[in-house]
Amino acid sequence: MKLCASLSENMQIPDILIEVIDVLLHQDEYRKEFSLVALATIIRESFVLIQQDDDIVKSNVYPNVDVAVLNGELQSVIKEGVNKIHEEVGLKYLEKGKINEEELYTYLKATEDILHDEFGDNCSKLSQFDHLKRYINDLEYDNFRENHRTVLEYMVKLVRTEVVDTFRKDWE
């Protein structure tokens, strides 16, 4: 919002980047980094708004980040969360013999799918059982509840928390 408020229709890219740096340096609430793709999208949408009606920017209506950008960042954040849980929890499960490597890989892939389904815009509303069954063809529901459900639910919960915390930090 601070960037949009400081833009004018005759600014060039170097001037805009100076404004971006200024906004990032003079704030301490958020990380001092920003996705280049998201920035480019915001700049483009800002100039569209400026060209359409200068009053829009003055009335505090700011451009929305493109859905495709958010989906790309969502994929990245989910993948980072899955990798973190793999290192922090999955490897401990392997060491303790609770699961084997194939099960760990399967749980992590299903977790990734579940969270893409939950947070993404292609919501299929499959159950966790249905997601896991994609990777274990002969999986029966009773077997899922008895042997797989608790581990999968725990991994989904941990990665979901990572995703929500990451976006909360980025968008607060």
Protein backbone atom coordinates (compact mmCIF):
# COMPACT_ATOMS: atom_id res chain seq x y z
CA MET A 1 0.00 0.00 0.00
CA LYS A 2 2.87 2.35 0.78
CA LEU A 3 4.38 1.70 -2.64
CA CYS A 4 1.11 2.27 -4.49
CA ALA A 5 0.57 5.53 -2.70
CA SER A 6 3.97 6.83 -3.83
CA LEU A 7 3.68 5.93 -7.52
CA SER A 8 2.84 8.36 -10.28
CA GLU A 9 2.11 7.65 -13.93
CA ASN A 10 5.36 9.18 -15.22
CA MET A 11 7.71 7.14 -12.98
CA GLN A 12 10.28 4.86 -14.59
CA ILE A 13 11.31 1.42 -13.30
CA PRO A 14 14.51 2.68 -11.57
CA ASP A 15 12.41 5.26 -9.68
CA ILE A 16 9.91 2.61 -8.70
CA LEU A 17 12.66 0.30 -7.44
CA ILE A 18 14.06 3.13 -5.33
CA GLU A 19 10.60 3.52 -3.81
CA VAL A 20 10.41 -0.25 -3.16
CA ILE A 21 13.78 -0.19 -1.39
CA ASP A 22 12.69 2.83 0.62
CA VAL A 23 9.47 1.11 1.72
CA LEU A 24 11.33 -2.05 2.73
CA LEU A 25 14.09 -0.22 4.60
CA HIS A 26 11.77 2.04 6.55
CA GLN A 27 9.60 -0.64 8.10
CA ASP A 28 10.33 -3.19 10.83
CA GLU A 29 7.07 -5.12 11.01
CA TYR A 30 7.72 -7.51 8.13
CA ARG A 31 10.60 -9.30 6.47
CA LYS A 32 12.69 -7.00 4.31
CA GLU A 33 12.22 -9.13 1.23
CA PHE A 34 9.49 -9.52 -1.33
CA SER A 35 8.76 -11.82 -4.23
CA LEU A 36 9.98 -10.28 -7.48
CA VAL A 37 7.07 -11.77 -9.41
CA ALA A 38 4.55 -10.40 -6.91
CA LEU A 39 6.25 -7.00 -7.07
CA ALA A 40 6.10 -6.96 -10.87
CA THR A 41 2.42 -7.86 -10.74
CA ILE A 42 1.68 -5.12 -8.23
CA ILE A 43 3.57 -2.54 -10.30
CA ARG A 44 1.71 -3.55 -13.45
CA GLU A 45 -1.69 -3.46 -11.74
CA SER A 46 -0.84 -0.14 -10.09
CA PHE A 47 -0.13 1.48 -13.44
CA VAL A 48 -3.34 0.06 -14.86
CA LEU A 49 -5.22 1.66 -11.99
CA ILE A 50 -3.34 4.95 -12.39
CA GLN A 51 -4.15 5.03 -16.09
CA GLN A 52 -7.83 4.19 -15.48
CA ASP A 53 -8.50 6.71 -12.76
CA ASP A 54 -6.07 8.55 -10.51
CA ASP A 55 -8.85 8.86 -7.91
CA ILE A 56 -8.81 5.07 -7.35
CA VAL A 57 -5.28 5.16 -5.95
CA LYS A 58 -6.05 8.24 -3.86
CA SER A 59 -9.11 6.54 -2.37
CA ASN A 60 -6.98 3.68 -0.99
CA VAL A 61 -8.11 0.99 -3.43
CA TYR A 62 -4.98 -1.02 -4.15
CA PRO A 63 -4.30 -3.80 -6.61
CA ASN A 64 -4.80 -7.41 -5.65
CA VAL A 65 -1.89 -9.80 -6.00
CA ASP A 66 -2.49 -12.05 -8.96
CA VAL A 67 -4.01 -15.43 -8.08
CA ALA A 68 -1.36 -17.24 -10.13
CA VAL A 69 1.37 -15.58 -8.09
CA LEU A 70 -0.31 -16.63 -4.86
CA ASN A 71 -0.71 -20.20 -6.11
CA GLY A 72 2.97 -20.34 -7.04
CA GLU A 73 3.94 -19.02 -3.63
CA LEU A 74 1.49 -21.42 -1.99
CA GLN A 75 3.17 -24.36 -3.74
CA SER A 76 6.55 -23.12 -2.60
CA VAL A 77 5.44 -22.61 1.02
CA ILE A 78 3.78 -26.03 1.15
CA LYS A 79 6.91 -27.66 -0.28
CA GLU A 80 9.09 -25.85 2.29
CA GLY A 81 6.75 -27.01 5.07
CA VAL A 82 6.84 -30.59 3.82
CA ASN A 83 10.64 -30.50 3.68
CA LYS A 84 10.84 -29.08 7.20
CA ILE A 85 8.52 -31.75 8.60
CA HIS A 86 10.47 -34.42 6.72
CA GLU A 87 13.65 -33.31 8.49
CA GLU A 88 12.14 -32.64 11.92
CA VAL A 89 9.56 -35.40 12.26
CA GLY A 90 9.85 -37.86 9.39
CA LEU A 91 13.45 -38.79 10.06
CA LYS A 92 12.67 -39.37 13.75
CA TYR A 93 9.83 -41.70 12.76
CA LEU A 94 12.27 -43.60 10.55
CA GLU A 95 14.89 -43.84 13.32
CA LYS A 96 12.32 -45.15 15.80
CA GLY A 97 11.01 -47.67 13.26
CA LYS A 98 7.46 -46.29 13.35
CA ILE A 99 7.37 -46.08 9.54
CA ASN A 100 9.62 -47.08 6.65
CA GLU A 101 11.04 -44.81 3.94
CA GLU A 102 8.34 -45.68 1.42
CA GLU A 103 5.61 -44.84 3.93
CA LEU A 104 7.33 -41.56 4.80
CA TYR A 105 7.51 -40.57 1.14
CA THR A 106 3.85 -41.56 0.68
CA TYR A 107 2.68 -39.59 3.72
CA LEU A 108 4.59 -36.50 2.64
CA LYS A 109 3.21 -36.63 -0.91
CA ALA A 110 -0.32 -37.13 0.41
CA THR A 111 0.21 -34.26 2.88
CA GLU A 112 1.30 -32.00 0.03
CA ASP A 113 -1.77 -32.97 -2.00
CA ILE A 114 -4.12 -32.48 0.96
CA LEU A 115 -2.83 -28.96 1.60
CA HIS A 116 -2.92 -28.01 -2.08
CA ASP A 117 -6.52 -29.20 -2.05
CA GLU A 118 -7.30 -27.31 1.15
CA PHE A 119 -5.65 -23.99 0.31
CA GLY A 120 -5.57 -23.99 -3.49
CA ASP A 121 -8.27 -22.91 -5.89
CA ASN A 122 -8.73 -26.40 -7.43
CA CYS A 123 -10.49 -27.77 -4.39
CA SER A 124 -11.43 -31.42 -4.99
CA LYS A 125 -12.64 -31.99 -1.39
CA LEU A 126 -11.13 -35.47 -1.23
CA SER A 127 -10.72 -36.96 2.22
CA GLN A 128 -7.31 -37.71 3.66
CA PHE A 129 -8.06 -41.38 3.05
CA ASP A 130 -8.76 -40.67 -0.63
CA HIS A 131 -5.52 -38.72 -1.00
CA LEU A 132 -3.47 -41.50 0.59
CA LYS A 133 -5.26 -44.14 -1.50
CA ARG A 134 -3.83 -42.45 -4.61
CA TYR A 135 -0.42 -43.67 -3.45
CA ILE A 136 -1.46 -46.96 -1.83
CA ASN A 137 -3.81 -48.55 -4.36
CA ASP A 138 -4.97 -51.46 -2.21
CA LEU A 139 -5.55 -49.34 0.90
CA GLU A 140 -8.75 -50.22 2.73
CA TYR A 141 -10.48 -47.74 5.01
CA ASP A 142 -10.13 -49.93 8.13
CA ASN A 143 -6.40 -50.31 7.45
CA PHE A 144 -6.11 -46.55 6.97
CA ARG A 145 -7.82 -45.82 10.30
CA GLU A 146 -5.81 -48.42 12.17
CA ASN A 147 -2.32 -47.95 10.66
CA HIS A 148 -1.99 -44.68 8.75
CA ARG A 149 -4.47 -42.07 9.91
CA THR A 150 -2.71 -40.75 13.01
CA VAL A 151 0.66 -40.26 11.33
CA LEU A 152 -0.87 -38.66 8.22
CA GLU A 153 -3.13 -36.36 10.26
CA TYR A 154 -0.17 -35.30 12.40
CA MET A 155 1.99 -34.49 9.37
CA VAL A 156 -0.85 -32.57 7.72
CA LYS A 157 -1.40 -30.60 10.94
CA LEU A 158 2.30 -29.71 11.24
CA VAL A 159 2.67 -28.62 7.60
CA ARG A 160 -0.64 -26.72 7.72
CA THR A 161 0.65 -24.82 10.75
CA GLU A 162 3.88 -23.98 8.87
CA VAL A 163 1.91 -22.73 5.85
CA VAL A 164 -0.48 -20.61 7.91
CA ASP A 165 2.36 -19.15 10.00
CA THR A 166 4.37 -18.28 6.89
CA PHE A 167 1.47 -16.50 5.20
CA ARG A 168 0.45 -14.82 8.45
CA LYS A 169 3.96 -13.33 8.74
CA ASP A 170 3.92 -12.25 5.09
CA TRP A 171 0.48 -10.65 5.09
CA GLU A 172 0.04 -9.16 8.56
